[in-house]
N, C-alpha and C. Protein backbone atom coordinates (compact mmCIF):
# COMPACT_ATOMS: atom_id res chain seq x y z
N MET A 1 -20.68 -1.73 34.57
CA MET A 1 -20.69 -0.78 33.46
C MET A 1 -19.61 0.28 33.65
N ARG A 2 -19.41 0.74 34.86
CA ARG A 2 -18.43 1.77 35.13
C ARG A 2 -17.02 1.32 34.76
N LYS A 3 -16.69 0.06 35.04
CA LYS A 3 -15.36 -0.44 34.70
C LYS A 3 -15.12 -0.40 33.19
N LYS A 4 -16.15 -0.69 32.42
CA LYS A 4 -16.03 -0.65 30.96
C LYS A 4 -15.70 0.76 30.48
N ILE A 5 -16.36 1.75 31.04
CA ILE A 5 -16.12 3.14 30.67
C ILE A 5 -14.69 3.54 31.04
N GLU A 6 -14.23 3.15 32.21
CA GLU A 6 -12.88 3.50 32.62
C GLU A 6 -11.84 2.88 31.70
N LYS A 7 -12.07 1.67 31.25
CA LYS A 7 -11.12 1.01 30.35
C LYS A 7 -11.02 1.75 29.02
N THR A 8 -12.14 2.23 28.48
CA THR A 8 -12.09 2.90 27.18
C THR A 8 -11.44 4.27 27.27
N LYS A 9 -11.40 4.88 28.44
CA LYS A 9 -10.73 6.17 28.59
C LYS A 9 -9.25 6.06 28.26
N ASN A 10 -8.65 4.93 28.54
CA ASN A 10 -7.21 4.75 28.34
C ASN A 10 -6.85 4.27 26.94
N LEU A 11 -7.84 4.08 26.09
CA LEU A 11 -7.56 3.64 24.74
C LEU A 11 -6.94 4.77 23.92
N THR A 12 -6.06 4.40 23.05
CA THR A 12 -5.43 5.36 22.15
C THR A 12 -5.92 5.07 20.74
N SER A 13 -6.35 6.10 20.03
CA SER A 13 -6.77 5.90 18.64
C SER A 13 -5.54 5.63 17.78
N PHE A 14 -5.78 5.07 16.61
CA PHE A 14 -4.67 4.78 15.71
C PHE A 14 -3.96 6.07 15.31
N ASP A 15 -4.72 7.12 15.05
CA ASP A 15 -4.12 8.40 14.68
C ASP A 15 -3.27 8.95 15.83
N GLU A 16 -3.76 8.81 17.05
CA GLU A 16 -2.98 9.27 18.21
C GLU A 16 -1.68 8.47 18.33
N HIS A 17 -1.77 7.19 18.08
CA HIS A 17 -0.57 6.34 18.14
C HIS A 17 0.44 6.78 17.08
N LEU A 18 -0.04 7.02 15.86
CA LEU A 18 0.86 7.46 14.79
C LEU A 18 1.49 8.80 15.13
N THR A 19 0.70 9.71 15.68
CA THR A 19 1.22 11.03 16.05
C THR A 19 2.29 10.89 17.12
N LYS A 20 2.06 10.04 18.09
CA LYS A 20 3.04 9.84 19.16
C LYS A 20 4.33 9.23 18.61
N ARG A 21 4.18 8.27 17.71
CA ARG A 21 5.35 7.56 17.20
C ARG A 21 6.07 8.30 16.07
N TYR A 22 5.31 8.93 15.14
CA TYR A 22 5.91 9.53 13.95
C TYR A 22 5.76 11.04 13.87
N GLY A 23 5.04 11.63 14.79
CA GLY A 23 4.86 13.08 14.78
C GLY A 23 3.55 13.47 14.10
N LYS A 24 3.28 14.75 14.13
CA LYS A 24 2.05 15.28 13.55
C LYS A 24 2.07 15.16 12.03
N MET A 25 0.88 15.22 11.45
CA MET A 25 0.75 15.18 9.99
C MET A 25 1.58 16.32 9.39
N ARG A 26 2.15 16.04 8.24
CA ARG A 26 2.94 16.97 7.44
C ARG A 26 4.33 17.27 8.02
N THR A 27 4.72 16.55 9.09
CA THR A 27 6.11 16.64 9.52
C THR A 27 6.91 15.66 8.68
N LYS A 28 8.21 15.85 8.60
CA LYS A 28 9.04 15.00 7.73
C LYS A 28 8.93 13.52 8.11
N LYS A 29 9.06 13.22 9.40
CA LYS A 29 9.02 11.83 9.84
C LYS A 29 7.66 11.18 9.55
N ARG A 30 6.58 11.91 9.80
CA ARG A 30 5.24 11.36 9.55
C ARG A 30 5.00 11.18 8.05
N THR A 31 5.45 12.13 7.25
CA THR A 31 5.29 12.04 5.80
C THR A 31 6.04 10.83 5.25
N GLU A 32 7.24 10.60 5.74
CA GLU A 32 8.02 9.43 5.30
C GLU A 32 7.28 8.14 5.66
N PHE A 33 6.70 8.09 6.86
CA PHE A 33 5.92 6.91 7.25
C PHE A 33 4.72 6.73 6.34
N GLU A 34 3.99 7.81 6.07
CA GLU A 34 2.79 7.74 5.23
C GLU A 34 3.13 7.26 3.82
N ILE A 35 4.25 7.70 3.29
CA ILE A 35 4.68 7.28 1.95
C ILE A 35 4.95 5.77 1.94
N LYS A 36 5.66 5.29 2.96
CA LYS A 36 5.95 3.85 3.04
C LYS A 36 4.66 3.05 3.22
N ALA A 37 3.75 3.56 4.02
CA ALA A 37 2.48 2.86 4.25
C ALA A 37 1.66 2.78 2.97
N LYS A 38 1.67 3.85 2.19
CA LYS A 38 0.92 3.84 0.92
C LYS A 38 1.58 2.92 -0.09
N ALA A 39 2.90 2.86 -0.11
CA ALA A 39 3.61 1.94 -1.01
C ALA A 39 3.25 0.50 -0.66
N PHE A 40 3.17 0.22 0.63
CA PHE A 40 2.78 -1.12 1.07
C PHE A 40 1.34 -1.42 0.63
N ALA A 41 0.44 -0.45 0.81
CA ALA A 41 -0.96 -0.64 0.42
C ALA A 41 -1.10 -0.88 -1.08
N ILE A 42 -0.35 -0.14 -1.88
CA ILE A 42 -0.38 -0.33 -3.33
C ILE A 42 0.10 -1.73 -3.68
N GLY A 43 1.15 -2.18 -3.02
CA GLY A 43 1.65 -3.54 -3.24
C GLY A 43 0.60 -4.59 -2.91
N GLU A 44 -0.13 -4.37 -1.83
CA GLU A 44 -1.19 -5.30 -1.43
C GLU A 44 -2.32 -5.32 -2.47
N ILE A 45 -2.65 -4.17 -3.00
CA ILE A 45 -3.69 -4.09 -4.03
C ILE A 45 -3.26 -4.86 -5.27
N ILE A 46 -2.01 -4.65 -5.70
CA ILE A 46 -1.50 -5.35 -6.87
C ILE A 46 -1.51 -6.85 -6.63
N LYS A 47 -1.04 -7.27 -5.46
CA LYS A 47 -1.02 -8.70 -5.14
C LYS A 47 -2.43 -9.30 -5.17
N GLU A 48 -3.38 -8.62 -4.56
CA GLU A 48 -4.76 -9.11 -4.52
C GLU A 48 -5.36 -9.20 -5.93
N GLU A 49 -5.16 -8.16 -6.73
CA GLU A 49 -5.69 -8.17 -8.09
C GLU A 49 -5.02 -9.25 -8.95
N ARG A 50 -3.73 -9.46 -8.73
CA ARG A 50 -3.01 -10.51 -9.46
C ARG A 50 -3.59 -11.88 -9.10
N LYS A 51 -3.82 -12.10 -7.83
CA LYS A 51 -4.38 -13.38 -7.39
C LYS A 51 -5.80 -13.56 -7.90
N LEU A 52 -6.59 -12.49 -7.90
CA LEU A 52 -7.95 -12.58 -8.43
C LEU A 52 -7.95 -12.91 -9.92
N SER A 53 -6.88 -12.51 -10.60
CA SER A 53 -6.74 -12.79 -12.03
C SER A 53 -6.10 -14.16 -12.28
N HIS A 54 -5.83 -14.89 -11.20
CA HIS A 54 -5.23 -16.23 -11.28
C HIS A 54 -3.90 -16.20 -12.04
N MET A 55 -3.09 -15.20 -11.70
CA MET A 55 -1.78 -15.07 -12.32
C MET A 55 -0.69 -15.22 -11.27
N THR A 56 0.45 -15.74 -11.70
CA THR A 56 1.62 -15.77 -10.84
C THR A 56 2.38 -14.46 -11.02
N GLN A 57 3.32 -14.22 -10.14
CA GLN A 57 4.17 -13.04 -10.30
C GLN A 57 4.94 -13.13 -11.61
N GLU A 58 5.38 -14.32 -11.95
CA GLU A 58 6.13 -14.51 -13.18
C GLU A 58 5.28 -14.20 -14.41
N GLN A 59 4.02 -14.64 -14.41
CA GLN A 59 3.13 -14.36 -15.54
C GLN A 59 2.88 -12.87 -15.68
N LEU A 60 2.66 -12.18 -14.56
CA LEU A 60 2.45 -10.73 -14.60
C LEU A 60 3.70 -10.03 -15.11
N ALA A 61 4.85 -10.48 -14.65
CA ALA A 61 6.11 -9.89 -15.10
C ALA A 61 6.30 -10.06 -16.60
N GLU A 62 6.04 -11.25 -17.11
CA GLU A 62 6.16 -11.50 -18.55
C GLU A 62 5.22 -10.62 -19.35
N LYS A 63 3.99 -10.50 -18.88
CA LYS A 63 2.98 -9.73 -19.60
C LYS A 63 3.31 -8.24 -19.63
N THR A 64 4.03 -7.76 -18.63
CA THR A 64 4.30 -6.32 -18.53
C THR A 64 5.75 -5.96 -18.80
N GLY A 65 6.56 -6.93 -19.16
CA GLY A 65 7.96 -6.64 -19.50
C GLY A 65 8.82 -6.29 -18.30
N THR A 66 8.51 -6.88 -17.17
CA THR A 66 9.33 -6.66 -15.97
C THR A 66 9.86 -8.01 -15.51
N ARG A 67 10.44 -8.03 -14.33
CA ARG A 67 10.96 -9.28 -13.76
C ARG A 67 10.12 -9.69 -12.56
N LYS A 68 10.10 -10.99 -12.31
CA LYS A 68 9.37 -11.53 -11.17
C LYS A 68 9.85 -10.90 -9.87
N SER A 69 11.15 -10.72 -9.73
CA SER A 69 11.71 -10.14 -8.51
C SER A 69 11.20 -8.71 -8.30
N PHE A 70 11.00 -7.97 -9.38
CA PHE A 70 10.47 -6.61 -9.29
C PHE A 70 9.02 -6.64 -8.81
N ILE A 71 8.22 -7.56 -9.35
CA ILE A 71 6.83 -7.71 -8.91
C ILE A 71 6.80 -8.06 -7.42
N SER A 72 7.67 -8.96 -7.01
CA SER A 72 7.74 -9.37 -5.61
C SER A 72 8.09 -8.19 -4.71
N ARG A 73 9.07 -7.38 -5.11
CA ARG A 73 9.46 -6.22 -4.29
C ARG A 73 8.30 -5.23 -4.18
N ILE A 74 7.58 -5.01 -5.25
CA ILE A 74 6.44 -4.09 -5.22
C ILE A 74 5.36 -4.64 -4.30
N GLU A 75 5.04 -5.91 -4.46
CA GLU A 75 3.97 -6.51 -3.65
C GLU A 75 4.31 -6.54 -2.16
N ASN A 76 5.58 -6.52 -1.84
CA ASN A 76 6.00 -6.52 -0.44
C ASN A 76 6.33 -5.12 0.09
N GLY A 77 6.06 -4.10 -0.73
CA GLY A 77 6.29 -2.73 -0.30
C GLY A 77 7.74 -2.34 -0.20
N HIS A 78 8.62 -3.06 -0.90
CA HIS A 78 10.05 -2.79 -0.82
C HIS A 78 10.61 -2.05 -2.02
N SER A 79 9.73 -1.51 -2.85
CA SER A 79 10.21 -0.81 -4.04
C SER A 79 9.28 0.36 -4.34
N ASP A 80 9.88 1.50 -4.60
CA ASP A 80 9.07 2.62 -5.08
C ASP A 80 8.60 2.27 -6.48
N ILE A 81 7.43 2.70 -6.80
CA ILE A 81 6.89 2.37 -8.11
C ILE A 81 6.52 3.66 -8.82
N GLN A 82 6.96 3.79 -10.04
CA GLN A 82 6.59 4.95 -10.84
C GLN A 82 5.13 4.81 -11.26
N LEU A 83 4.50 5.92 -11.45
CA LEU A 83 3.10 5.91 -11.86
C LEU A 83 2.91 5.17 -13.18
N SER A 84 3.83 5.33 -14.10
CA SER A 84 3.72 4.63 -15.38
C SER A 84 3.80 3.12 -15.18
N THR A 85 4.61 2.67 -14.25
CA THR A 85 4.72 1.24 -13.96
C THR A 85 3.44 0.74 -13.31
N LEU A 86 2.89 1.52 -12.41
CA LEU A 86 1.63 1.16 -11.76
C LEU A 86 0.53 0.97 -12.80
N TYR A 87 0.43 1.91 -13.71
CA TYR A 87 -0.57 1.80 -14.78
C TYR A 87 -0.31 0.57 -15.64
N ARG A 88 0.95 0.33 -15.99
CA ARG A 88 1.28 -0.82 -16.83
C ARG A 88 0.91 -2.13 -16.15
N LEU A 89 1.22 -2.26 -14.87
CA LEU A 89 0.90 -3.49 -14.14
C LEU A 89 -0.60 -3.71 -14.04
N LEU A 90 -1.32 -2.67 -13.65
CA LEU A 90 -2.75 -2.83 -13.42
C LEU A 90 -3.57 -2.82 -14.70
N GLU A 91 -3.27 -1.91 -15.60
CA GLU A 91 -4.11 -1.79 -16.80
C GLU A 91 -3.71 -2.80 -17.88
N ILE A 92 -2.44 -2.90 -18.20
CA ILE A 92 -2.01 -3.84 -19.23
C ILE A 92 -1.92 -5.26 -18.66
N GLY A 93 -1.27 -5.37 -17.51
CA GLY A 93 -1.06 -6.69 -16.94
C GLY A 93 -2.30 -7.36 -16.40
N LEU A 94 -3.16 -6.58 -15.72
CA LEU A 94 -4.31 -7.17 -15.05
C LEU A 94 -5.66 -6.73 -15.62
N GLY A 95 -5.64 -5.88 -16.64
CA GLY A 95 -6.88 -5.46 -17.28
C GLY A 95 -7.77 -4.61 -16.41
N LYS A 96 -7.20 -3.88 -15.47
CA LYS A 96 -7.97 -3.01 -14.56
C LYS A 96 -7.85 -1.57 -15.01
N THR A 97 -8.70 -0.74 -14.49
CA THR A 97 -8.65 0.69 -14.75
C THR A 97 -8.17 1.40 -13.49
N VAL A 98 -7.23 2.30 -13.65
CA VAL A 98 -6.70 3.05 -12.52
C VAL A 98 -7.27 4.45 -12.55
N SER A 99 -7.75 4.91 -11.42
CA SER A 99 -8.16 6.31 -11.29
C SER A 99 -7.42 6.89 -10.10
N LEU A 100 -7.10 8.16 -10.19
CA LEU A 100 -6.30 8.83 -9.17
C LEU A 100 -7.14 9.93 -8.54
N THR A 101 -7.16 9.94 -7.22
CA THR A 101 -7.88 10.98 -6.50
C THR A 101 -6.92 11.73 -5.60
N ILE A 102 -6.96 13.01 -5.64
CA ILE A 102 -6.12 13.84 -4.76
C ILE A 102 -7.05 14.67 -3.90
N SER A 103 -6.79 14.61 -2.61
CA SER A 103 -7.66 15.39 -1.71
C SER A 103 -6.82 16.23 -0.76
C-alpha cells in the first residue's frame, strides 16, 4: 500500500502540466493555448454532430454555402470560426440549437 501512495505523490495534474508548459492562467502564452484548444473542441463538436446527422462534409458545406475544405479546416481545428459561421453550421446546417455561456 505504501508504494502506491508514493507513486501518486509524483503525479502531475493536467492543470499543473499546462501551467508548467504554457504558464499561469490569463498569461499571453496560456491564453493562446486555451484559444487553440477551444477551437479544436468546437471542431470536434461540429464533426460529431455532422456524423450523427449522417452528413458528409460536402453536404454540410452545400447546405450552409461554404466549401468542403472550410468544413475540414474547422473540424480539424485549423481555422478560426466566426460566431455567425458557427451558428450557420450548427443551426442551419445541422438543425441544432446553440447556446453560449460565459463564466
